[in-house]
């Protein structure tokens, strides 16, 4: 049996506490500058070094390939057995009527 394909959603909640030094005239300016630098990823190294995973969860969903049946022209999951042998049907005189 072949391996299955899965989509796995990884959800990580992280927390990072670190200190940086900035030059500013006031406390508000210092906080504004630090905030701007955080969102500009200027503290990426510091953030990664101080990061701790607080919560994690994983969700997996199997990816099933859908195949088009040449006989009934419907889609079927590739992991299911066909309800009819296509070669036998094509060699027979059977006909599928669609309204």
Protein backbone atom coordinates (compact mmCIF):
# COMPACT_ATOMS: atom_id res chain seq x y z
CA UNK A 1 0.00 0.00 0.00
CA UNK A 2 1.37 3.41 -0.94
CA UNK A 3 1.85 6.24 1.48
CA UNK A 4 -0.95 8.76 1.83
CA UNK A 5 -0.63 12.50 1.38
CA UNK A 6 -1.62 14.72 4.31
CA UNK A 7 -2.02 18.45 4.83
CA UNK A 8 -0.99 19.27 8.39
CA UNK A 9 -1.87 22.61 9.92
CA UNK A 10 0.64 23.58 12.60
CA UNK A 11 -0.57 26.18 15.11
CA UNK A 12 2.08 27.63 17.41
CA UNK A 13 1.55 30.34 20.00
CA UNK A 14 4.85 31.94 20.94
CA UNK A 15 6.01 34.42 23.50
CA UNK A 16 9.24 36.41 23.35
CA UNK A 17 10.49 38.74 26.05
CA UNK A 18 13.72 40.63 25.33
CA UNK A 19 15.24 44.06 25.82
CA UNK A 20 16.71 46.43 23.22
CA UNK A 21 18.37 49.80 23.46
CA UNK A 22 17.10 52.72 21.38
CA UNK A 23 18.03 56.39 21.35
CA UNK A 24 15.10 58.76 21.81
CA UNK A 25 14.24 62.01 23.61
CA UNK A 26 11.15 60.70 25.45
CA UNK A 27 9.70 57.45 26.72
CA UNK A 28 6.89 57.67 24.16
CA UNK A 29 9.41 58.10 21.32
CA UNK A 30 11.43 55.13 22.59
CA UNK A 31 8.33 52.91 22.68
CA UNK A 32 7.22 54.13 19.24
CA UNK A 33 10.67 53.43 17.80
CA UNK A 34 10.83 49.95 19.36
CA UNK A 35 7.30 49.18 18.09
CA UNK A 36 8.24 50.31 14.58
CA UNK A 37 11.39 48.16 14.68
CA UNK A 38 9.41 45.10 15.80
CA UNK A 39 7.00 45.40 12.88
CA UNK A 40 9.89 46.04 10.47
CA UNK A 41 11.49 42.75 11.66
CA UNK A 42 14.57 44.62 12.87
CA UNK A 43 14.58 42.48 16.02
CA UNK A 44 14.14 39.17 14.22
CA UNK A 45 17.27 37.62 15.76
CA UNK A 46 16.37 38.77 19.28
CA UNK A 47 12.81 37.57 18.88
CA UNK A 48 13.87 34.10 17.72
CA UNK A 49 16.49 33.77 20.46
CA UNK A 50 13.98 34.69 23.19
CA UNK A 51 10.99 32.87 21.69
CA UNK A 52 9.25 30.14 23.68
CA UNK A 53 6.38 28.00 22.38
CA UNK A 54 3.54 28.45 24.84
CA UNK A 55 0.92 26.33 23.08
CA UNK A 56 0.93 24.04 20.06
CA UNK A 57 -1.65 22.06 18.15
CA UNK A 58 -1.73 20.04 14.97
CA UNK A 59 -4.57 19.13 12.61
CA UNK A 60 -4.15 16.64 9.76
CA UNK A 61 -6.39 16.13 6.75
CA UNK A 62 -5.83 13.39 4.21
CA UNK A 63 -5.59 14.58 0.62
CA UNK A 64 -7.52 12.23 -1.64
CA UNK A 65 -6.90 12.41 -5.36
CA UNK A 66 -10.12 12.52 -7.35
CA UNK A 67 -10.21 10.62 -10.66
CA UNK A 68 -12.67 11.04 -13.52
CA UNK A 69 -14.34 7.78 -14.49
CA UNK A 70 -14.33 7.37 -18.31
CA UNK A 71 -17.50 5.25 -18.12
CA UNK A 72 -19.87 7.19 -15.87
CA UNK A 73 -18.02 10.51 -16.19
CA UNK A 74 -18.22 11.11 -12.42
CA UNK A 75 -15.38 11.80 -10.06
CA UNK A 76 -14.34 9.07 -7.64
CA UNK A 77 -11.78 9.03 -4.87
CA UNK A 78 -8.58 7.31 -5.93
CA UNK A 79 -8.55 5.28 -2.72
CA UNK A 80 -11.85 3.51 -3.53
CA UNK A 81 -12.44 0.48 -5.68
CA UNK A 82 -14.32 1.18 -8.92
CA UNK A 83 -17.86 -0.10 -8.97
CA UNK A 84 -17.40 -1.46 -12.47
CA UNK A 85 -14.54 -2.87 -14.52
CA UNK A 86 -14.01 -0.21 -17.20
CA UNK A 87 -12.45 -2.58 -19.73
CA UNK A 88 -15.32 -5.09 -19.39
CA UNK A 89 -17.85 -2.29 -19.77
CA UNK A 90 -16.19 -0.87 -22.88
CA UNK A 91 -16.13 -4.33 -24.52
CA UNK A 92 -19.80 -4.95 -23.71
CA UNK A 93 -22.85 -3.56 -25.46
CA UNK A 94 -23.97 -1.66 -22.36
CA UNK A 95 -24.75 2.02 -22.73
CA UNK A 96 -25.06 4.80 -20.18
CA UNK A 97 -27.92 7.12 -20.93
CA UNK A 98 -27.86 10.63 -19.53
CA UNK A 99 -31.00 12.76 -19.46
